[in-house]
Amino acid sequence: MSRILLSLSINAALMGGAAFAEVPRVAVDIAPIHSLVARVMDGVGTPDLIVQSGASPHEYSLRPSEATALQKADIVFWIGPDLTPWLDDAIETLATDASVTELLEADGTIELEFREGALFEAHDEHGQDEHEEGAHEDHAGGEHAEEKAGHEDHDHGEHDPHAWLSPQNASTWLNVIASQLSVADPENAGAYFANAAAGRAEIDALTADVNAVLDPLRGARFIVFHDAYQYFEAAFDFPAAGAISISDASDPGPARIAEIRARIADEGIDCVLAEPQFNAGLVATVLDGTEAGTGILDPLGSDLEPGPALYPQLIRNLATNLAECL
């Protein structure tokens, strides 16, 4: 009798293992997107994170475990080559059998063009519809030439890739993620779409919370370390006055630093915001001799535990840290 029970237990375990094996293996580029995918897969499976927390997504060397995750992936979700140009080749080489979803190109995604110049003007308008192509004029000489070269040097596309900082995009992507997972795993489609709906409700509540934090501070002026936050700024109508660096992959030239310092002195900038993993000395240089406060913004949530809770906490932290600085 004990042998029969043992045999039944083994068969049940094998059947359970077979059922679990049917859940797609999913690889995701960065922690905020991994969080959205983990929210949709909650209770069904766990996605693999490729770019580990605290690392710059623009330049990254795959660890063996991350290369293996790509090789085994049935589905890959990523922002796209505008953020991680090196990952394009890795996906093509390693994830040969995977279904690949580039979220920046997904239907309904809000895309914003790169801003030019160290200083941002309140009247600046940027294309803000899915895959809309706006005029992108070339400027000769001076700071604009330096920034244009910076875009080219780092393989940037026409659109700013930091699109996860728009909660509206995150909400759109939850359904995109659920749809792709359901195609690969129709038995769990109900769970995926239920999780996506719950995630969208959480983002609606998150948006209301952030607006409540920022409403008393509207009109305050701040400068960010690098121009990564315009999706957050547009979502909450809380514009930055400028950025020290055009990207986290390049240092600003002396002319750009001088331009930023002049604005702080002339226009009463309240706060200059650093980022945890980049050159704090540049922020100190910009702040020297001014009365502006300082704080830290982290667009990737590098100090947060990867998983479903990371994305809403990331957005809340941006609002909280900004408010505390102002």
Protein backbone atom coordinates (compact mmCIF):
# COMPACT_ATOMS: atom_id res chain seq x y z
CA MET A 1 0.00 0.00 0.00
CA SER A 2 2.82 2.39 0.82
CA ARG A 3 4.31 1.72 -2.62
CA ILE A 4 1.03 2.70 -4.26
CA LEU A 5 0.91 5.93 -2.26
CA LEU A 6 4.52 6.63 -3.17
CA SER A 7 3.78 6.01 -6.84
CA LEU A 8 0.76 8.32 -6.71
CA SER A 9 2.85 11.03 -5.03
CA ILE A 10 5.55 10.75 -7.67
CA ASN A 11 2.98 10.90 -10.49
CA ALA A 12 1.32 13.93 -8.89
CA ALA A 13 4.66 15.66 -8.57
CA LEU A 14 5.50 14.92 -12.18
CA MET A 15 2.12 16.18 -13.34
CA GLY A 16 2.56 19.33 -11.28
CA GLY A 17 6.00 19.84 -12.79
CA ALA A 18 4.65 19.39 -16.29
CA ALA A 19 1.91 21.95 -15.63
CA PHE A 20 4.46 24.46 -14.29
CA ALA A 21 6.68 23.87 -17.33
CA GLU A 22 3.84 25.13 -19.55
CA VAL A 23 4.11 28.61 -18.04
CA PRO A 24 6.24 30.66 -20.45
CA ARG A 25 9.81 31.53 -19.54
CA VAL A 26 9.92 35.32 -19.69
CA ALA A 27 12.96 37.63 -19.82
CA VAL A 28 12.65 41.40 -19.20
CA ASP A 29 15.19 44.18 -19.74
CA ILE A 30 14.98 46.62 -16.77
CA ALA A 31 13.51 46.55 -13.28
CA PRO A 32 10.50 48.88 -13.88
CA ILE A 33 9.33 46.78 -16.85
CA HIS A 34 10.12 43.58 -14.96
CA SER A 35 7.82 44.90 -12.22
CA LEU A 36 4.93 45.33 -14.66
CA VAL A 37 5.47 41.84 -16.10
CA ALA A 38 5.73 40.37 -12.60
CA ARG A 39 2.42 42.07 -11.71
CA VAL A 40 0.70 40.42 -14.68
CA MET A 41 2.30 37.03 -13.94
CA ASP A 42 1.56 37.20 -10.20
CA GLY A 43 0.49 33.78 -8.95
CA VAL A 44 1.39 32.11 -12.25
CA GLY A 45 5.13 32.52 -12.76
CA THR A 46 8.13 34.78 -12.26
CA PRO A 47 9.97 36.64 -15.05
CA ASP A 48 13.77 36.90 -15.27
CA LEU A 49 15.42 40.33 -14.98
CA ILE A 50 18.28 40.97 -17.43
CA VAL A 51 19.75 44.35 -16.34
CA GLN A 52 20.30 44.13 -12.62
CA SER A 53 19.30 46.94 -10.26
CA GLY A 54 21.84 49.73 -9.92
CA ALA A 55 23.38 49.22 -13.38
CA SER A 56 23.02 51.63 -16.29
CA PRO A 57 20.88 50.07 -19.03
CA HIS A 58 22.72 52.01 -21.74
CA GLU A 59 25.93 50.04 -21.34
CA TYR A 60 25.85 46.61 -19.73
CA SER A 61 27.73 43.30 -19.92
CA LEU A 62 25.55 40.23 -19.66
CA ARG A 63 26.33 37.79 -16.89
CA PRO A 64 26.21 34.09 -17.81
CA SER A 65 22.94 33.67 -15.88
CA GLU A 66 21.35 36.54 -17.80
CA ALA A 67 22.51 35.16 -21.15
CA THR A 68 21.00 31.82 -20.14
CA ALA A 69 17.70 33.53 -19.25
CA LEU A 70 17.58 34.99 -22.76
CA GLN A 71 18.43 31.64 -24.32
CA LYS A 72 15.63 29.89 -22.43
CA ALA A 73 13.06 32.65 -22.89
CA ASP A 74 9.79 31.97 -24.65
CA ILE A 75 8.90 35.67 -24.44
CA VAL A 76 11.05 38.81 -24.16
CA PHE A 77 9.71 42.20 -23.10
CA TRP A 78 11.94 45.24 -23.46
CA ILE A 79 11.72 48.99 -24.02
CA GLY A 80 13.72 48.73 -27.25
CA PRO A 81 17.10 49.61 -28.74
CA ASP A 82 16.73 53.33 -27.98
CA LEU A 83 17.39 52.47 -24.33
CA THR A 84 19.56 49.34 -24.58
CA PRO A 85 21.18 49.21 -28.05
CA TRP A 86 23.50 46.39 -26.96
CA LEU A 87 20.53 44.17 -26.11
CA ASP A 88 19.28 44.15 -29.71
CA ASP A 89 22.12 41.87 -30.82
CA ALA A 90 21.88 39.77 -27.67
CA ILE A 91 18.19 39.08 -28.25
CA GLU A 92 18.79 38.26 -31.91
CA THR A 93 21.66 35.93 -31.06
CA LEU A 94 20.39 34.27 -27.88
CA ALA A 95 16.59 34.48 -27.84
CA THR A 96 16.20 32.92 -31.27
CA ASP A 97 12.92 31.14 -30.54
CA ALA A 98 11.35 33.80 -28.33
CA SER A 99 8.42 36.09 -29.07
CA VAL A 100 9.87 39.61 -28.62
CA THR A 101 7.77 42.64 -27.67
CA GLU A 102 9.33 46.11 -27.97
CA LEU A 103 7.13 48.17 -25.69
CA LEU A 104 8.14 51.56 -27.07
CA GLU A 105 6.55 50.44 -30.35
CA ALA A 106 3.40 48.97 -28.79
CA ASP A 107 0.05 50.42 -29.87
CA GLY A 108 -1.11 53.20 -27.59
CA THR A 109 2.33 54.07 -26.24
CA ILE A 110 2.94 57.78 -25.68
CA GLU A 111 6.29 58.76 -27.19
CA LEU A 112 8.12 62.04 -26.63
CA GLU A 113 10.96 63.37 -28.72
CA PHE A 114 14.30 64.18 -27.15
CA ARG A 115 14.56 67.71 -25.84
CA GLU A 116 17.44 69.84 -27.02
CA GLY A 117 19.37 72.31 -24.90
CA ALA A 118 20.24 72.45 -21.23
CA LEU A 119 17.18 74.58 -20.39
CA PHE A 120 13.56 73.59 -20.92
CA GLU A 121 10.91 76.16 -21.65
CA ALA A 122 7.35 75.83 -20.40
CA HIS A 123 5.97 76.39 -23.90
CA ASP A 124 8.01 73.59 -25.50
CA GLU A 125 5.74 71.04 -27.15
CA HIS A 126 6.67 67.49 -28.11
CA GLY A 127 4.89 64.85 -30.19
CA GLN A 128 2.80 62.87 -27.73
CA ASP A 129 0.94 60.25 -29.68
CA GLU A 130 1.79 56.73 -30.61
CA HIS A 131 4.65 56.79 -33.09
CA GLU A 132 3.97 60.36 -34.17
CA GLU A 133 6.89 61.85 -36.06
CA GLY A 134 7.51 65.47 -35.04
CA ALA A 135 9.83 67.98 -36.61
CA HIS A 136 13.34 67.47 -35.25
CA GLU A 137 15.43 70.35 -36.51
CA ASP A 138 19.20 70.30 -36.62
CA HIS A 139 20.98 73.18 -34.96
CA ALA A 140 24.48 74.14 -35.96
CA GLY A 141 27.28 74.96 -33.56
CA GLY A 142 27.50 75.51 -29.81
CA GLU A 143 25.67 73.45 -27.28
CA HIS A 144 23.13 72.03 -29.75
CA ALA A 145 25.89 70.54 -31.88
CA GLU A 146 27.42 68.97 -28.77
CA GLU A 147 24.07 67.47 -27.76
CA LYS A 148 23.27 66.23 -31.26
CA ALA A 149 26.63 64.50 -31.33
CA GLY A 150 25.86 63.06 -27.91
CA HIS A 151 22.66 61.50 -29.21
CA GLU A 152 24.50 59.98 -32.16
CA ASP A 153 27.40 58.73 -30.03
CA HIS A 154 25.05 56.75 -27.82
CA ASP A 155 22.86 55.34 -30.59
CA HIS A 156 19.76 57.16 -29.43
CA GLY A 157 16.73 57.05 -31.65
CA GLU A 158 14.39 59.92 -32.27
CA HIS A 159 12.27 59.32 -29.18
CA ASP A 160 13.14 59.54 -25.52
CA PRO A 161 13.11 55.91 -24.29
CA HIS A 162 12.33 56.62 -20.60
CA ALA A 163 8.67 56.02 -21.38
CA TRP A 164 7.99 53.85 -18.31
CA LEU A 165 7.92 57.05 -16.24
CA SER A 166 4.49 57.75 -17.75
CA PRO A 167 1.92 55.85 -15.65
CA GLN A 168 -0.38 55.96 -18.68
CA ASN A 169 2.20 54.00 -20.66
CA ALA A 170 2.60 51.54 -17.80
CA SER A 171 -1.16 51.03 -17.73
CA THR A 172 -1.23 50.46 -21.49
CA TRP A 173 1.65 48.02 -21.30
CA LEU A 174 -0.04 45.89 -18.62
CA ASN A 175 -2.64 44.89 -21.21
CA VAL A 176 0.01 44.43 -23.92
CA ILE A 177 1.91 42.12 -21.57
CA ALA A 178 -1.23 40.18 -20.65
CA SER A 179 -2.10 39.74 -24.33
CA GLN A 180 1.33 38.37 -25.24
CA LEU A 181 1.38 36.01 -22.26
CA SER A 182 -2.12 34.78 -23.07
CA VAL A 183 -1.15 33.90 -26.63
CA ALA A 184 1.66 31.70 -25.31
CA ASP A 185 -0.29 30.40 -22.31
CA PRO A 186 -4.06 30.51 -23.01
CA GLU A 187 -4.88 28.37 -19.96
CA ASN A 188 -3.77 31.21 -17.70
CA ALA A 189 -5.21 34.04 -19.82
CA GLY A 190 -7.88 34.79 -17.21
CA ALA A 191 -5.27 35.23 -14.50
CA TYR A 192 -3.09 37.43 -16.70
CA PHE A 193 -5.91 39.79 -17.65
CA ALA A 194 -7.30 39.89 -14.10
CA ASN A 195 -3.84 40.82 -12.82
CA ALA A 196 -3.49 43.46 -15.53
CA ALA A 197 -6.86 44.97 -14.57
CA ALA A 198 -5.84 45.05 -10.91
CA GLY A 199 -2.52 46.64 -11.88
CA ARG A 200 -4.30 49.33 -13.89
CA ALA A 201 -6.52 50.14 -10.91
CA GLU A 202 -3.41 50.42 -8.75
CA ILE A 203 -1.85 52.82 -11.26
CA ASP A 204 -5.01 54.96 -11.25
CA ALA A 205 -4.78 55.21 -7.46
CA LEU A 206 -1.05 55.89 -7.72
CA THR A 207 -1.65 58.75 -10.15
CA ALA A 208 -4.14 60.35 -7.78
CA ASP A 209 -1.71 59.98 -4.85
CA VAL A 210 1.16 61.59 -6.78
CA ASN A 211 -1.00 64.51 -7.90
CA ALA A 212 -1.99 65.07 -4.26
CA VAL A 213 1.71 65.21 -3.29
CA LEU A 214 2.63 67.61 -6.10
CA ASP A 215 -0.43 69.89 -6.16
CA PRO A 216 0.75 72.17 -3.30
CA LEU A 217 4.12 72.64 -5.06
CA ARG A 218 3.05 73.58 -8.56
CA GLY A 219 5.12 76.45 -9.86
CA ALA A 220 8.26 75.36 -8.01
CA ARG A 221 11.32 75.11 -10.23
CA PHE A 222 13.86 72.31 -10.33
CA ILE A 223 16.71 70.96 -12.44
CA VAL A 224 17.40 67.24 -12.92
CA PHE A 225 20.70 65.43 -13.34
CA HIS A 226 19.94 64.08 -16.80
CA ASP A 227 17.01 64.48 -19.14
CA ALA A 228 15.14 61.31 -18.24
CA TYR A 229 11.99 62.61 -16.57
CA GLN A 230 9.89 64.34 -19.22
CA TYR A 231 7.33 61.51 -19.27
CA PHE A 232 6.82 61.97 -15.52
CA GLU A 233 6.76 65.76 -15.98
CA ALA A 234 4.12 65.53 -18.74
CA ALA A 235 1.98 63.00 -16.85
CA PHE A 236 1.76 65.20 -13.77
CA ASP A 237 2.10 68.64 -15.39
CA PHE A 238 5.18 69.34 -13.30
CA PRO A 239 7.93 70.49 -15.68
CA ALA A 240 11.65 70.64 -14.94
CA ALA A 241 13.55 73.82 -15.80
CA GLY A 242 16.56 72.00 -17.23
CA ALA A 243 18.99 69.09 -17.04
CA ILE A 244 22.68 69.07 -16.17
CA SER A 245 23.47 66.26 -18.61
CA ILE A 246 21.85 65.23 -21.86
CA SER A 247 22.05 61.56 -20.84
CA ASP A 248 23.46 59.33 -18.14
CA ALA A 249 26.01 58.06 -20.65
CA SER A 250 27.83 61.36 -21.19
CA ASP A 251 29.14 64.26 -19.12
CA PRO A 252 28.04 67.82 -19.96
CA GLY A 253 30.43 70.34 -21.48
CA PRO A 254 31.47 73.57 -19.73
CA ALA A 255 29.01 75.64 -21.76
CA ARG A 256 26.08 73.54 -20.61
CA ILE A 257 27.15 73.74 -16.96
CA ALA A 258 27.52 77.51 -17.24
CA GLU A 259 24.05 77.77 -18.77
CA ILE A 260 22.51 75.75 -15.94
CA ARG A 261 24.32 77.79 -13.25
CA ALA A 262 23.12 81.02 -14.82
CA ARG A 263 19.52 79.85 -14.71
CA ILE A 264 19.82 78.82 -11.05
CA ALA A 265 21.21 82.25 -10.18
CA ASP A 266 18.87 84.32 -12.37
CA GLU A 267 15.57 82.51 -11.98
CA GLY A 268 15.54 81.27 -8.41
CA ILE A 269 15.71 77.53 -9.03
CA ASP A 270 14.55 75.76 -5.88
CA CYS A 271 16.24 72.38 -6.26
CA VAL A 272 18.89 70.50 -8.26
CA LEU A 273 18.36 66.74 -8.23
CA ALA A 274 21.13 64.15 -8.43
CA GLU A 275 20.92 60.43 -9.23
CA PRO A 276 22.35 57.71 -7.00
CA GLN A 277 24.68 56.01 -9.48
CA PHE A 278 26.16 59.01 -11.31
CA ASN A 279 28.68 61.81 -10.86
CA ALA A 280 27.76 63.67 -7.65
CA GLY A 281 30.62 66.10 -8.32
CA LEU A 282 28.73 67.59 -11.27
CA VAL A 283 25.79 68.45 -9.05
CA ALA A 284 28.13 70.02 -6.49
CA THR A 285 29.72 72.10 -9.27
CA VAL A 286 26.33 73.33 -10.44
CA LEU A 287 25.18 74.11 -6.88
CA ASP A 288 28.34 75.94 -5.83
CA GLY A 289 27.54 79.50 -4.81
CA THR A 290 23.76 79.07 -5.11
CA GLU A 291 20.98 78.71 -2.55
CA ALA A 292 19.22 75.85 -4.33
CA GLY A 293 18.48 72.69 -2.39
CA THR A 294 19.41 69.22 -3.53
CA GLY A 295 17.87 65.77 -3.51
CA ILE A 296 17.98 62.47 -5.39
CA LEU A 297 15.76 61.06 -8.10
CA ASP A 298 16.14 57.47 -9.29
CA PRO A 299 14.36 56.62 -12.58
CA LEU A 300 15.12 52.89 -12.27
CA GLY A 301 14.36 52.14 -8.62
CA SER A 302 17.86 50.79 -8.10
CA ASP A 303 17.44 50.52 -4.32
CA LEU A 304 14.08 48.72 -4.53
CA GLU A 305 13.46 44.97 -4.45
CA PRO A 306 12.59 43.73 -7.96
CA GLY A 307 9.04 42.47 -8.26
CA PRO A 308 5.40 43.58 -8.65
CA ALA A 309 5.64 46.34 -6.01
CA LEU A 310 8.67 48.08 -7.53
CA TYR A 311 6.90 50.14 -10.21
CA PRO A 312 4.35 51.95 -8.02
CA GLN A 313 7.00 52.53 -5.35
CA LEU A 314 9.36 53.96 -7.98
CA ILE A 315 6.78 56.54 -9.10
CA ARG A 316 5.86 57.41 -5.51
CA ASN A 317 9.52 57.87 -4.64
CA LEU A 318 10.02 60.30 -7.53
CA ALA A 319 7.13 62.44 -6.26
CA THR A 320 8.15 62.20 -2.60
CA ASN A 321 11.82 63.00 -3.18
CA LEU A 322 10.94 65.87 -5.48
CA ALA A 323 8.50 67.29 -2.93
CA GLU A 324 11.02 67.00 -0.09
CA CYS A 325 13.60 68.91 -2.12
CA LEU A 326 11.20 71.70 -3.04
